[in-house]
């Protein structure tokens, strides 16, 4: 919804959040990912009140079920996003 299939920040909600959704395929982000392997997960957790992503989705009509992130969820997310980012150069 936000980063888009290509993770370049081109999804339909990319410009609806503040700050806008970043392009995760830039050399600068890939360097951050390499230097700080947990940057994807930490950026989700450290967003203002940990609520930027769910808040943006809710404000744009996306219905979310109540869900607490588990450690496995965060590890799975990090693994998936890292794989997608490495494929999109």
N, C-alpha and C. Protein backbone atom coordinates (compact mmCIF):
# COMPACT_ATOMS: atom_id res chain seq x y z
N UNK A 1 0.82 -1.20 0.00
CA UNK A 1 0.00 0.00 0.00
C UNK A 1 0.86 1.27 0.00
N UNK A 2 1.99 1.22 0.67
CA UNK A 2 2.81 2.43 0.78
C UNK A 2 4.06 2.34 -0.09
N UNK A 3 4.88 1.32 0.15
CA UNK A 3 6.13 1.23 -0.59
C UNK A 3 5.92 0.76 -2.03
N UNK A 4 4.84 0.07 -2.30
CA UNK A 4 4.58 -0.46 -3.64
C UNK A 4 5.28 -1.79 -3.85
N UNK A 5 4.88 -2.48 -4.89
CA UNK A 5 5.46 -3.80 -5.19
C UNK A 5 6.96 -3.71 -5.41
N UNK A 6 7.41 -2.60 -5.98
CA UNK A 6 8.84 -2.43 -6.26
C UNK A 6 9.60 -1.83 -5.08
N UNK A 7 8.94 -1.60 -3.95
CA UNK A 7 9.45 -0.98 -2.73
C UNK A 7 10.16 0.36 -2.95
N UNK A 8 9.72 1.07 -3.99
CA UNK A 8 10.32 2.36 -4.31
C UNK A 8 9.49 3.54 -3.81
N UNK A 9 8.53 3.26 -2.93
CA UNK A 9 7.70 4.34 -2.40
C UNK A 9 6.69 4.84 -3.40
N UNK A 10 6.15 3.92 -4.22
CA UNK A 10 5.23 4.30 -5.29
C UNK A 10 3.83 3.74 -5.09
N UNK A 11 3.54 3.20 -3.91
CA UNK A 11 2.22 2.64 -3.66
C UNK A 11 1.17 3.73 -3.55
N UNK A 12 -0.11 3.34 -3.57
CA UNK A 12 -1.20 4.33 -3.55
C UNK A 12 -1.23 5.20 -2.30
N UNK A 13 -0.63 4.75 -1.20
CA UNK A 13 -0.62 5.58 0.01
C UNK A 13 0.76 6.20 0.29
N UNK A 14 1.65 6.16 -0.68
CA UNK A 14 3.03 6.62 -0.48
C UNK A 14 3.14 8.05 0.03
N UNK A 15 2.29 8.93 -0.46
CA UNK A 15 2.38 10.33 -0.06
C UNK A 15 1.35 10.71 1.00
N UNK A 16 0.73 9.71 1.59
CA UNK A 16 -0.31 9.98 2.60
C UNK A 16 0.24 10.00 4.02
N UNK A 17 1.48 9.55 4.21
CA UNK A 17 2.05 9.55 5.55
C UNK A 17 2.98 10.75 5.71
N UNK A 18 3.28 11.06 6.95
CA UNK A 18 4.21 12.15 7.23
C UNK A 18 5.24 11.61 8.22
N UNK A 19 6.47 11.37 7.78
CA UNK A 19 7.04 11.69 6.47
C UNK A 19 6.54 10.74 5.38
N UNK A 20 6.67 11.17 4.10
CA UNK A 20 6.25 10.31 3.00
C UNK A 20 7.04 9.00 2.99
N UNK A 21 6.47 8.00 2.38
CA UNK A 21 7.09 6.67 2.29
C UNK A 21 8.39 6.74 1.50
N UNK A 22 9.49 6.23 2.06
CA UNK A 22 10.76 6.29 1.34
C UNK A 22 10.92 5.18 0.29
N UNK A 23 11.80 5.44 -0.65
CA UNK A 23 12.23 4.46 -1.64
C UNK A 23 13.27 3.58 -0.94
N UNK A 24 12.99 2.29 -0.81
CA UNK A 24 13.89 1.38 -0.10
C UNK A 24 14.95 0.77 -1.00
N UNK A 25 15.02 1.21 -2.25
CA UNK A 25 16.01 0.64 -3.17
C UNK A 25 17.18 1.57 -3.43
N UNK A 26 17.20 2.73 -2.80
CA UNK A 26 18.30 3.67 -3.05
C UNK A 26 19.60 3.13 -2.46
N UNK A 27 20.73 3.52 -3.03
CA UNK A 27 22.02 3.10 -2.47
C UNK A 27 22.15 3.51 -0.99
N UNK A 28 21.63 4.66 -0.62
CA UNK A 28 21.74 5.11 0.77
C UNK A 28 20.97 4.17 1.71
N UNK A 29 19.75 3.77 1.32
CA UNK A 29 18.99 2.88 2.19
C UNK A 29 19.64 1.50 2.23
N UNK A 30 20.11 1.01 1.09
CA UNK A 30 20.76 -0.31 1.07
C UNK A 30 22.01 -0.31 1.95
N UNK A 31 22.72 0.81 1.98
CA UNK A 31 23.89 0.92 2.87
C UNK A 31 23.44 0.87 4.32
N UNK A 32 22.35 1.60 4.65
CA UNK A 32 21.83 1.55 6.02
C UNK A 32 21.41 0.13 6.38
N UNK A 33 20.77 -0.56 5.46
CA UNK A 33 20.33 -1.94 5.71
C UNK A 33 21.53 -2.85 5.95
N UNK A 34 22.60 -2.63 5.19
CA UNK A 34 23.82 -3.41 5.36
C UNK A 34 24.50 -3.08 6.69
N UNK A 35 24.58 -1.77 7.01
CA UNK A 35 25.25 -1.33 8.24
C UNK A 35 24.44 -1.66 9.49
N UNK A 36 23.12 -1.61 9.37
CA UNK A 36 22.21 -1.84 10.49
C UNK A 36 21.13 -2.83 10.06
N UNK A 37 21.42 -4.13 10.13
CA UNK A 37 20.48 -5.14 9.61
C UNK A 37 19.07 -5.05 10.16
N UNK A 38 18.86 -4.50 11.33
CA UNK A 38 17.53 -4.40 11.91
C UNK A 38 16.83 -3.09 11.61
N UNK A 39 17.34 -2.30 10.64
CA UNK A 39 16.79 -0.97 10.39
C UNK A 39 15.32 -1.00 9.97
N UNK A 40 14.89 -2.01 9.25
CA UNK A 40 13.50 -2.08 8.82
C UNK A 40 12.59 -2.23 10.03
N UNK A 41 12.92 -3.19 10.86
CA UNK A 41 12.09 -3.44 12.04
C UNK A 41 12.15 -2.25 13.00
N UNK A 42 13.34 -1.72 13.23
CA UNK A 42 13.44 -0.61 14.17
C UNK A 42 12.72 0.62 13.66
N UNK A 43 12.70 0.82 12.35
CA UNK A 43 12.00 2.00 11.82
C UNK A 43 10.50 1.88 12.02
N UNK A 44 9.98 0.65 12.03
CA UNK A 44 8.56 0.45 12.29
C UNK A 44 8.27 0.70 13.77
N UNK A 45 9.10 0.15 14.63
CA UNK A 45 8.89 0.27 16.07
C UNK A 45 9.10 1.70 16.54
N UNK A 46 10.08 2.39 15.96
CA UNK A 46 10.45 3.72 16.45
C UNK A 46 9.67 4.86 15.80
N UNK A 47 8.76 4.56 14.90
CA UNK A 47 7.90 5.61 14.36
C UNK A 47 7.18 6.28 15.51
N UNK A 48 6.71 7.51 15.32
CA UNK A 48 6.03 8.18 16.43
C UNK A 48 4.98 7.28 17.08
N UNK A 49 5.21 6.97 18.32
CA UNK A 49 4.33 6.09 19.10
C UNK A 49 4.17 4.70 18.47
N UNK A 50 5.05 4.33 17.54
CA UNK A 50 4.93 3.03 16.88
C UNK A 50 3.66 2.90 16.08
N UNK A 51 3.04 4.03 15.71
CA UNK A 51 1.70 3.99 15.13
C UNK A 51 1.61 4.62 13.74
N UNK A 52 2.70 5.08 13.16
CA UNK A 52 2.61 5.79 11.88
C UNK A 52 1.98 4.91 10.80
N UNK A 53 2.45 3.69 10.67
CA UNK A 53 1.95 2.84 9.59
C UNK A 53 0.49 2.47 9.81
N UNK A 54 0.10 1.94 10.99
CA UNK A 54 -1.32 1.64 11.18
C UNK A 54 -2.20 2.88 11.08
N UNK A 55 -1.72 4.01 11.59
CA UNK A 55 -2.51 5.25 11.55
C UNK A 55 -2.74 5.67 10.09
N UNK A 56 -1.71 5.63 9.27
CA UNK A 56 -1.84 6.01 7.86
C UNK A 56 -2.82 5.09 7.15
N UNK A 57 -2.72 3.79 7.41
CA UNK A 57 -3.63 2.84 6.78
C UNK A 57 -5.07 3.10 7.22
N UNK A 58 -5.30 3.25 8.53
CA UNK A 58 -6.66 3.50 9.03
C UNK A 58 -7.24 4.78 8.45
N UNK A 59 -6.44 5.85 8.40
CA UNK A 59 -6.92 7.14 7.90
C UNK A 59 -7.28 7.08 6.42
N UNK A 60 -6.82 6.05 5.72
CA UNK A 60 -7.09 5.93 4.29
C UNK A 60 -7.98 4.74 3.97
N UNK A 61 -8.78 4.36 4.96
CA UNK A 61 -9.83 3.37 4.73
C UNK A 61 -9.41 1.92 4.75
N UNK A 62 -8.17 1.63 5.16
CA UNK A 62 -7.74 0.24 5.24
C UNK A 62 -8.13 -0.28 6.62
N UNK A 63 -8.94 -1.33 6.63
CA UNK A 63 -9.38 -1.91 7.91
C UNK A 63 -8.30 -2.84 8.44
N UNK A 64 -7.92 -2.62 9.69
CA UNK A 64 -6.89 -3.44 10.32
C UNK A 64 -7.50 -4.22 11.48
N UNK A 65 -7.15 -5.48 11.55
CA UNK A 65 -7.58 -6.25 12.72
C UNK A 65 -6.63 -5.93 13.87
N UNK A 66 -7.12 -5.99 15.10
CA UNK A 66 -6.22 -5.75 16.23
C UNK A 66 -5.14 -6.82 16.24
N UNK A 67 -3.92 -6.41 16.35
CA UNK A 67 -2.81 -7.35 16.28
C UNK A 67 -1.60 -6.76 16.98
N UNK A 68 -0.98 -7.54 17.80
CA UNK A 68 0.29 -7.14 18.41
C UNK A 68 1.40 -7.86 17.67
N UNK A 69 2.48 -7.14 17.38
CA UNK A 69 3.62 -7.73 16.70
C UNK A 69 4.31 -8.72 17.63
N UNK A 70 4.58 -9.91 17.12
CA UNK A 70 5.38 -10.88 17.88
C UNK A 70 6.82 -10.79 17.36
N UNK A 71 7.74 -11.36 18.10
CA UNK A 71 9.14 -11.38 17.65
C UNK A 71 9.24 -12.10 16.31
N UNK A 72 8.49 -13.19 16.15
CA UNK A 72 8.51 -13.93 14.88
C UNK A 72 7.98 -13.05 13.74
N UNK A 73 6.92 -12.28 13.98
CA UNK A 73 6.39 -11.37 12.95
C UNK A 73 7.48 -10.40 12.50
N UNK A 74 8.18 -9.82 13.46
CA UNK A 74 9.22 -8.84 13.12
C UNK A 74 10.38 -9.49 12.38
N UNK A 75 10.76 -10.68 12.77
CA UNK A 75 11.84 -11.39 12.06
C UNK A 75 11.39 -11.74 10.64
N UNK A 76 10.16 -12.22 10.49
CA UNK A 76 9.64 -12.56 9.16
C UNK A 76 9.58 -11.32 8.27
N UNK A 77 9.11 -10.22 8.83
CA UNK A 77 9.03 -8.97 8.08
C UNK A 77 10.42 -8.53 7.62
N UNK A 78 11.38 -8.57 8.52
CA UNK A 78 12.73 -8.16 8.17
C UNK A 78 13.31 -9.05 7.07
N UNK A 79 13.10 -10.35 7.18
CA UNK A 79 13.62 -11.28 6.17
C UNK A 79 12.96 -11.01 4.82
N UNK A 80 11.64 -10.86 4.81
CA UNK A 80 10.91 -10.62 3.57
C UNK A 80 11.35 -9.30 2.92
N UNK A 81 11.35 -8.23 3.70
CA UNK A 81 11.70 -6.92 3.14
C UNK A 81 13.14 -6.89 2.66
N UNK A 82 14.05 -7.50 3.37
CA UNK A 82 15.45 -7.55 2.94
C UNK A 82 15.58 -8.27 1.60
N UNK A 83 14.83 -9.36 1.43
CA UNK A 83 14.87 -10.10 0.17
C UNK A 83 14.29 -9.27 -0.97
N UNK A 84 13.17 -8.59 -0.74
CA UNK A 84 12.55 -7.76 -1.77
C UNK A 84 13.49 -6.61 -2.16
N UNK A 85 14.08 -5.98 -1.17
CA UNK A 85 14.98 -4.84 -1.44
C UNK A 85 16.19 -5.31 -2.25
N UNK A 86 16.76 -6.45 -1.89
CA UNK A 86 17.94 -6.91 -2.62
C UNK A 86 17.62 -7.29 -4.07
N UNK A 87 16.37 -7.69 -4.36
CA UNK A 87 15.97 -8.03 -5.73
C UNK A 87 15.72 -6.78 -6.58
N UNK A 88 15.32 -5.69 -5.95
CA UNK A 88 14.98 -4.45 -6.68
C UNK A 88 16.17 -3.50 -6.64
N UNK A 89 16.89 -3.49 -7.69
CA UNK A 89 18.10 -2.65 -7.74
C UNK A 89 17.86 -1.44 -8.60
